[in-house]
Structures are given as C-alpha cells and as structure tokens.
Amino acid sequence: LIRPLRQKLDTIKNPTLIIWGKNDRVIPVAHAQVAVKNIPGARLELFDKCGHMPMFECPEKFNKLVLDFLAE
C-alpha cells in the first residue's frame, strides 16, 4: 500500500470487511494482508478462483458475505 494510506489505516474505527480475490493481478493479496493487520478488528475474506473484481466474478458469494457482515 502507498505510505500515506498505510499510515492512516489504524485510524479506521468502523467494522471493516476486506474482500479480495486470490488471483488478483492488479493489486496483490499482500496489500489486503497489510490492510487487515493495520485496521483494528478488520476481517479479510479471500476468494479462491477470483481476480480483481470479486463483486462481479463471484457475485453470489460476495453478496452473501456482505449482507451477513452488515447484519452483524
């Protein structure tokens, strides 16, 4: 992640769900791992066989995960 953004991640106080495709060739999964380590209480969900756009590539799984997260 770019340094200015990384330095501010720990200021996020809201519940945070990070959804990432394991096969993302645009932004590596390592960026998601940095984010989840630096956002207090964040949760990371990695989608197998999914790239940069999990909301389009795996819509049913994505929508269920988001709706369940919002219901918590």
PDB file of N, CA and C in Angstrom:
ATOM      1  N   LEU A   1       0.844  -1.191   0.000  1.00  0.00           N
ATOM      2  CA  LEU A   1       0.000   0.000   0.000  1.00  0.00           C
ATOM      3  C   LEU A   1       0.879   1.240   0.000  1.00  0.00           C
ATOM      4  N   ILE A   2       0.348   2.311  -0.574  1.00  0.00           N
ATOM      5  CA  ILE A   2       1.129   3.539  -0.581  1.00  0.00           C
ATOM      6  C   ILE A   2       1.254   4.070   0.846  1.00  0.00           C
ATOM      7  N   ARG A   3       2.387   4.633   1.154  1.00  0.00           N
ATOM      8  CA  ARG A   3       2.721   5.033   2.516  1.00  0.00           C
ATOM      9  C   ARG A   3       1.677   5.939   3.170  1.00  0.00           C
ATOM     10  N   PRO A   4       1.202   7.024   2.548  1.00  0.00           N
ATOM     11  CA  PRO A   4       0.221   7.879   3.239  1.00  0.00           C
ATOM     12  C   PRO A   4      -1.049   7.122   3.641  1.00  0.00           C
ATOM     13  N   LEU A   5      -1.491   6.217   2.803  1.00  0.00           N
ATOM     14  CA  LEU A   5      -2.681   5.427   3.128  1.00  0.00           C
ATOM     15  C   LEU A   5      -2.371   4.444   4.246  1.00  0.00           C
ATOM     16  N   ARG A   6      -1.269   3.756   4.158  1.00  0.00           N
ATOM     17  CA  ARG A   6      -0.900   2.767   5.178  1.00  0.00           C
ATOM     18  C   ARG A   6      -0.802   3.414   6.554  1.00  0.00           C
ATOM     19  N   GLN A   7      -0.294   4.631   6.612  1.00  0.00           N
ATOM     20  CA  GLN A   7      -0.124   5.318   7.889  1.00  0.00           C
ATOM     21  C   GLN A   7      -1.457   5.699   8.530  1.00  0.00           C
ATOM     22  N   LYS A   8      -2.524   5.736   7.761  1.00  0.00           N
ATOM     23  CA  LYS A   8      -3.827   6.138   8.299  1.00  0.00           C
ATOM     24  C   LYS A   8      -4.758   4.962   8.584  1.00  0.00           C
ATOM     25  N   LEU A   9      -4.368   3.760   8.213  1.00  0.00           N
ATOM     26  CA  LEU A   9      -5.258   2.611   8.372  1.00  0.00           C
ATOM     27  C   LEU A   9      -5.669   2.389   9.820  1.00  0.00           C
ATOM     28  N   ASP A  10      -4.770   2.626  10.756  1.00  0.00           N
ATOM     29  CA  ASP A  10      -5.098   2.374  12.159  1.00  0.00           C
ATOM     30  C   ASP A  10      -6.077   3.386  12.741  1.00  0.00           C
ATOM     31  N   THR A  11      -6.428   4.408  11.964  1.00  0.00           N
ATOM     32  CA  THR A  11      -7.424   5.384  12.432  1.00  0.00           C
ATOM     33  C   THR A  11      -8.851   4.945  12.099  1.00  0.00           C
ATOM     34  N   ILE A  12      -8.994   3.898  11.301  1.00  0.00           N
ATOM     35  CA  ILE A  12     -10.324   3.392  10.948  1.00  0.00           C
ATOM     36  C   ILE A  12     -10.901   2.691  12.166  1.00  0.00           C
ATOM     37  N   LYS A  13     -12.051   3.146  12.613  1.00  0.00           N
ATOM     38  CA  LYS A  13     -12.671   2.599  13.825  1.00  0.00           C
ATOM     39  C   LYS A  13     -13.920   1.771  13.529  1.00  0.00           C
ATOM     40  N   ASN A  14     -14.434   1.860  12.336  1.00  0.00           N
ATOM     41  CA  ASN A  14     -15.648   1.118  11.976  1.00  0.00           C
ATOM     42  C   ASN A  14     -15.316  -0.336  11.677  1.00  0.00           C
ATOM     43  N   PRO A  15     -16.292  -1.230  11.883  1.00  0.00           N
ATOM     44  CA  PRO A  15     -16.089  -2.619  11.461  1.00  0.00           C
ATOM     45  C   PRO A  15     -15.735  -2.646   9.971  1.00  0.00           C
ATOM     46  N   THR A  16     -14.742  -3.420   9.633  1.00  0.00           N
ATOM     47  CA  THR A  16     -14.228  -3.409   8.266  1.00  0.00           C
ATOM     48  C   THR A  16     -14.116  -4.827   7.725  1.00  0.00           C
ATOM     49  N   LEU A  17     -14.715  -5.036   6.573  1.00  0.00           N
ATOM     50  CA  LEU A  17     -14.620  -6.304   5.861  1.00  0.00           C
ATOM     51  C   LEU A  17     -13.841  -6.052   4.579  1.00  0.00           C
ATOM     52  N   ILE A  18     -12.754  -6.767   4.415  1.00  0.00           N
ATOM     53  CA  ILE A  18     -11.934  -6.656   3.211  1.00  0.00           C
ATOM     54  C   ILE A  18     -12.128  -7.944   2.420  1.00  0.00           C
ATOM     55  N   ILE A  19     -12.601  -7.806   1.194  1.00  0.00           N
ATOM     56  CA  ILE A  19     -12.829  -8.959   0.324  1.00  0.00           C
ATOM     57  C   ILE A  19     -11.840  -8.858  -0.834  1.00  0.00           C
ATOM     58  N   TRP A  20     -11.119  -9.947  -1.080  1.00  0.00           N
ATOM     59  CA  TRP A  20     -10.056  -9.917  -2.088  1.00  0.00           C
ATOM     60  C   TRP A  20     -10.051 -11.217  -2.867  1.00  0.00           C
ATOM     61  N   GLY A  21      -9.776 -11.124  -4.143  1.00  0.00           N
ATOM     62  CA  GLY A  21      -9.602 -12.318  -4.960  1.00  0.00           C
ATOM     63  C   GLY A  21      -8.158 -12.805  -4.878  1.00  0.00           C
ATOM     64  N   LYS A  22      -7.974 -14.079  -4.624  1.00  0.00           N
ATOM     65  CA  LYS A  22      -6.622 -14.639  -4.517  1.00  0.00           C
ATOM     66  C   LYS A  22      -5.836 -14.515  -5.818  1.00  0.00           C
ATOM     67  N   ASN A  23      -6.549 -14.411  -6.940  1.00  0.00           N
ATOM     68  CA  ASN A  23      -5.893 -14.334  -8.243  1.00  0.00           C
ATOM     69  C   ASN A  23      -5.854 -12.908  -8.785  1.00  0.00           C
ATOM     70  N   ASP A  24      -5.946 -11.923  -7.904  1.00  0.00           N
ATOM     71  CA  ASP A  24      -5.909 -10.516  -8.326  1.00  0.00           C
ATOM     72  C   ASP A  24      -4.530 -10.202  -8.891  1.00  0.00           C
ATOM     73  N   ARG A  25      -4.485  -9.840 -10.178  1.00  0.00           N
ATOM     74  CA  ARG A  25      -3.221  -9.489 -10.820  1.00  0.00           C
ATOM     75  C   ARG A  25      -3.023  -7.984 -10.881  1.00  0.00           C
ATOM     76  N   VAL A  26      -4.020  -7.220 -10.441  1.00  0.00           N
ATOM     77  CA  VAL A  26      -3.921  -5.762 -10.453  1.00  0.00           C
ATOM     78  C   VAL A  26      -3.307  -5.268  -9.142  1.00  0.00           C
ATOM     79  N   ILE A  27      -3.861  -5.724  -8.027  1.00  0.00           N
ATOM     80  CA  ILE A  27      -3.356  -5.355  -6.700  1.00  0.00           C
ATOM     81  C   ILE A  27      -3.111  -6.654  -5.935  1.00  0.00           C
ATOM     82  N   PRO A  28      -1.872  -6.948  -5.607  1.00  0.00           N
ATOM     83  CA  PRO A  28      -1.542  -8.218  -4.959  1.00  0.00           C
ATOM     84  C   PRO A  28      -2.239  -8.411  -3.609  1.00  0.00           C
ATOM     85  N   VAL A  29      -2.474  -9.661  -3.265  1.00  0.00           N
ATOM     86  CA  VAL A  29      -3.110 -10.024  -1.998  1.00  0.00           C
ATOM     87  C   VAL A  29      -2.318  -9.472  -0.813  1.00  0.00           C
ATOM     88  N   ALA A  30      -1.030  -9.300  -0.974  1.00  0.00           N
ATOM     89  CA  ALA A  30      -0.200  -8.759   0.112  1.00  0.00           C
ATOM     90  C   ALA A  30      -0.722  -7.411   0.596  1.00  0.00           C
ATOM     91  N   HIS A  31      -1.318  -6.634  -0.284  1.00  0.00           N
ATOM     92  CA  HIS A  31      -1.882  -5.340   0.114  1.00  0.00           C
ATOM     93  C   HIS A  31      -3.061  -5.538   1.062  1.00  0.00           C
ATOM     94  N   ALA A  32      -3.878  -6.525   0.797  1.00  0.00           N
ATOM     95  CA  ALA A  32      -5.011  -6.819   1.683  1.00  0.00           C
ATOM     96  C   ALA A  32      -4.507  -7.281   3.036  1.00  0.00           C
ATOM     97  N   GLN A  33      -3.442  -8.059   3.038  1.00  0.00           N
ATOM     98  CA  GLN A  33      -2.885  -8.561   4.294  1.00  0.00           C
ATOM     99  C   GLN A  33      -2.303  -7.427   5.130  1.00  0.00           C
ATOM    100  N   VAL A  34      -1.688  -6.454   4.489  1.00  0.00           N
ATOM    101  CA  VAL A  34      -1.195  -5.272   5.202  1.00  0.00           C
ATOM    102  C   VAL A  34      -2.371  -4.494   5.779  1.00  0.00           C
ATOM    103  N   ALA A  35      -3.410  -4.321   4.991  1.00  0.00           N
ATOM    104  CA  ALA A  35      -4.575  -3.570   5.458  1.00  0.00           C
ATOM    105  C   ALA A  35      -5.213  -4.231   6.668  1.00  0.00           C
ATOM    106  N   VAL A  36      -5.434  -5.533   6.611  1.00  0.00           N
ATOM    107  CA  VAL A  36      -6.111  -6.213   7.720  1.00  0.00           C
ATOM    108  C   VAL A  36      -5.253  -6.195   8.988  1.00  0.00           C
ATOM    109  N   LYS A  37      -3.948  -6.175   8.845  1.00  0.00           N
ATOM    110  CA  LYS A  37      -3.071  -6.106  10.017  1.00  0.00           C
ATOM    111  C   LYS A  37      -3.086  -4.723  10.655  1.00  0.00           C
ATOM    112  N   ASN A  38      -3.410  -3.703   9.872  1.00  0.00           N
ATOM    113  CA  ASN A  38      -3.325  -2.328  10.359  1.00  0.00           C
ATOM    114  C   ASN A  38      -4.663  -1.681  10.679  1.00  0.00           C
ATOM    115  N   ILE A  39      -5.758  -2.328  10.333  1.00  0.00           N
ATOM    116  CA  ILE A  39      -7.088  -1.811  10.673  1.00  0.00           C
ATOM    117  C   ILE A  39      -7.582  -2.620  11.868  1.00  0.00           C
ATOM    118  N   PRO A  40      -7.741  -1.974  13.012  1.00  0.00           N
ATOM    119  CA  PRO A  40      -8.163  -2.711  14.210  1.00  0.00           C
ATOM    120  C   PRO A  40      -9.472  -3.473  13.990  1.00  0.00           C
ATOM    121  N   GLY A  41      -9.446  -4.758  14.259  1.00  0.00           N
ATOM    122  CA  GLY A  41     -10.651  -5.581  14.157  1.00  0.00           C
ATOM    123  C   GLY A  41     -11.102  -5.910  12.749  1.00  0.00           C
ATOM    124  N   ALA A  42     -10.307  -5.569  11.747  1.00  0.00           N
ATOM    125  CA  ALA A  42     -10.697  -5.852  10.361  1.00  0.00           C
ATOM    126  C   ALA A  42     -10.703  -7.353  10.105  1.00  0.00           C
ATOM    127  N   ARG A  43     -11.515  -7.742   9.142  1.00  0.00           N
ATOM    128  CA  ARG A  43     -11.627  -9.147   8.741  1.00  0.00           C
ATOM    129  C   ARG A  43     -11.329  -9.255   7.249  1.00  0.00           C
ATOM    130  N   LEU A  44     -10.528 -10.228   6.881  1.00  0.00           N
ATOM    131  CA  LEU A  44     -10.165 -10.453   5.482  1.00  0.00           C
ATOM    132  C   LEU A  44     -10.787 -11.743   4.998  1.00  0.00           C
ATOM    133  N   GLU A  45     -11.469 -11.668   3.875  1.00  0.00           N
ATOM    134  CA  GLU A  45     -12.033 -12.844   3.208  1.00  0.00           C
ATOM    135  C   GLU A  45     -11.384 -12.942   1.834  1.00  0.00           C
ATOM    136  N   LEU A  46     -10.709 -14.050   1.585  1.00  0.00           N
ATOM    137  CA  LEU A  46     -10.060 -14.283   0.294  1.00  0.00           C
ATOM    138  C   LEU A  46     -10.896 -15.253  -0.520  1.00  0.00           C
ATOM    139  N   PHE A  47     -11.147 -14.903  -1.769  1.00  0.00           N
ATOM    140  CA  PHE A  47     -11.939 -15.743  -2.661  1.00  0.00           C
ATOM    141  C   PHE A  47     -11.018 -16.531  -3.578  1.00  0.00           C
ATOM    142  N   ASP A  48     -11.153 -17.858  -3.552  1.00  0.00           N
ATOM    143  CA  ASP A  48     -10.425 -18.713  -4.489  1.00  0.00           C
ATOM    144  C   ASP A  48     -10.959 -18.483  -5.901  1.00  0.00           C
ATOM    145  N   LYS A  49     -10.108 -18.701  -6.876  1.00  0.00           N
ATOM    146  CA  LYS A  49     -10.501 -18.615  -8.291  1.00  0.00           C
ATOM    147  C   LYS A  49     -11.214 -17.308  -8.606  1.00  0.00           C
ATOM    148  N   CYS A  50     -10.701 -16.227  -8.057  1.00  0.00           N
ATOM    149  CA  CYS A  50     -11.313 -14.914  -8.247  1.00  0.00           C
ATOM    150  C   CYS A  50     -10.189 -13.895  -8.393  1.00  0.00           C
ATOM    151  N   GLY A  51     -10.396 -12.917  -9.268  1.00  0.00           N
ATOM    152  CA  GLY A  51      -9.378 -11.914  -9.521  1.00  0.00           C
ATOM    153  C   GLY A  51      -9.669 -10.586  -8.857  1.00  0.00           C
ATOM    154  N   HIS A  52      -9.523  -9.516  -9.625  1.00  0.00           N
ATOM    155  CA  HIS A  52      -9.590  -8.150  -9.107  1.00  0.00           C
ATOM    156  C   HIS A  52     -11.006  -7.682  -8.769  1.00  0.00           C
ATOM    157  N   MET A  53     -12.015  -8.316  -9.307  1.00  0.00           N
ATOM    158  CA  MET A  53     -13.379  -7.822  -9.117  1.00  0.00           C
ATOM    159  C   MET A  53     -14.294  -8.911  -8.562  1.00  0.00           C
ATOM    160  N   PRO A  54     -14.123  -9.283  -7.301  1.00  0.00           N
ATOM    161  CA  PRO A  54     -14.935 -10.367  -6.738  1.00  0.00           C
ATOM    162  C   PRO A  54     -16.434 -10.084  -6.764  1.00  0.00           C
ATOM    163  N   MET A  55     -16.817  -8.822  -6.739  1.00  0.00           N
ATOM    164  CA  MET A  55     -18.244  -8.496  -6.770  1.00  0.00           C
ATOM    165  C   MET A  55     -18.900  -8.880  -8.093  1.00  0.00           C
ATOM    166  N   PHE A  56     -18.098  -8.973  -9.159  1.00  0.00           N
ATOM    167  CA  PHE A  56     -18.616  -9.392 -10.464  1.00  0.00           C
ATOM    168  C   PHE A  56     -18.272 -10.849 -10.774  1.00  0.00           C
ATOM    169  N   GLU A  57     -17.111 -11.292 -10.321  1.00  0.00           N
ATOM    170  CA  GLU A  57     -16.651 -12.644 -10.626  1.00  0.00           C
ATOM    171  C   GLU A  57     -17.324 -13.711  -9.754  1.00  0.00           C
ATOM    172  N   CYS A  58     -17.664 -13.346  -8.551  1.00  0.00           N
ATOM    173  CA  CYS A  58     -18.292 -14.278  -7.593  1.00  0.00           C
ATOM    174  C   CYS A  58     -19.444 -13.560  -6.887  1.00  0.00           C
ATOM    175  N   PRO A  59     -20.439 -13.076  -7.637  1.00  0.00           N
ATOM    176  CA  PRO A  59     -21.449 -12.195  -7.042  1.00  0.00           C
ATOM    177  C   PRO A  59     -22.279 -12.818  -5.929  1.00  0.00           C
ATOM    178  N   GLU A  60     -22.658 -14.081  -6.060  1.00  0.00           N
ATOM    179  CA  GLU A  60     -23.497 -14.693  -5.019  1.00  0.00           C
ATOM    180  C   GLU A  60     -22.738 -14.770  -3.699  1.00  0.00           C
ATOM    181  N   LYS A  61     -21.519 -15.263  -3.768  1.00  0.00           N
ATOM    182  CA  LYS A  61     -20.689 -15.379  -2.563  1.00  0.00           C
ATOM    183  C   LYS A  61     -20.407 -13.995  -1.973  1.00  0.00           C
ATOM    184  N   PHE A  62     -20.080 -13.046  -2.832  1.00  0.00           N
ATOM    185  CA  PHE A  62     -19.786 -11.680  -2.401  1.00  0.00           C
ATOM    186  C   PHE A  62     -20.996 -11.065  -1.701  1.00  0.00           C
ATOM    187  N   ASN A  63     -22.158 -11.138  -2.342  1.00  0.00           N
ATOM    188  CA  ASN A  63     -23.361 -10.526  -1.775  1.00  0.00           C
ATOM    189  C   ASN A  63     -23.742 -11.150  -0.441  1.00  0.00           C
ATOM    190  N   LYS A  64     -23.662 -12.467  -0.343  1.00  0.00           N
ATOM    191  CA  LYS A  64     -23.996 -13.134   0.921  1.00  0.00           C
ATOM    192  C   LYS A  64     -23.048 -12.690   2.029  1.00  0.00           C
ATOM    193  N   LEU A  65     -21.779 -12.636   1.719  1.00  0.00           N
ATOM    194  CA  LEU A  65     -20.782 -12.230   2.705  1.00  0.00           C
ATOM    195  C   LEU A  65     -21.035 -10.800   3.191  1.00  0.00           C
ATOM    196  N   VAL A  66     -21.304  -9.900   2.270  1.00  0.00           N
ATOM    197  CA  VAL A  66     -21.554  -8.502   2.641  1.00  0.00           C
ATOM    198  C   VAL A  66     -22.841  -8.378   3.452  1.00  0.00           C
ATOM    199  N   LEU A  67     -23.899  -9.037   3.023  1.00  0.00           N
ATOM    200  CA  LEU A  67     -25.165  -8.964   3.768  1.00  0.00           C
ATOM    201  C   LEU A  67     -25.020  -9.552   5.170  1.00  0.00           C
ATOM    202  N   ASP A  68     -24.323 -10.665   5.299  1.00  0.00           N
ATOM    203  CA  ASP A  68     -24.087 -11.257   6.621  1.00  0.00           C
ATOM    204  C   ASP A  68     -23.260 -10.319   7.497  1.00  0.00           C
ATOM    205  N   PHE A  69     -22.257  -9.694   6.914  1.00  0.00           N
ATOM    206  CA  PHE A  69     -21.409  -8.759   7.653  1.00  0.00           C
ATOM    207  C   PHE A  69     -22.227  -7.564   8.139  1.00  0.00           C
ATOM    208  N   LEU A  70     -23.068  -7.027   7.276  1.00  0.00           N
ATOM    209  CA  LEU A  70     -23.889  -5.869   7.652  1.00  0.00           C
ATOM    210  C   LEU A  70     -24.917  -6.219   8.722  1.00  0.00           C
ATOM    211  N   ALA A  71     -25.346  -7.465   8.740  1.00  0.00           N
ATOM    212  CA  ALA A  71     -26.342  -7.899   9.726  1.00  0.00           C
ATOM    213  C   ALA A  71     -25.726  -8.119  11.117  1.00  0.00           C
ATOM    214  N   GLU A  72     -24.407  -8.247  11.177  1.00  0.00           N
ATOM    215  CA  GLU A  72     -23.737  -8.494  12.473  1.00  0.00           C
ATOM    216  C   GLU A  72     -23.846  -7.291  13.386  1.00  0.00           C
TER     217      GLU A  72
END
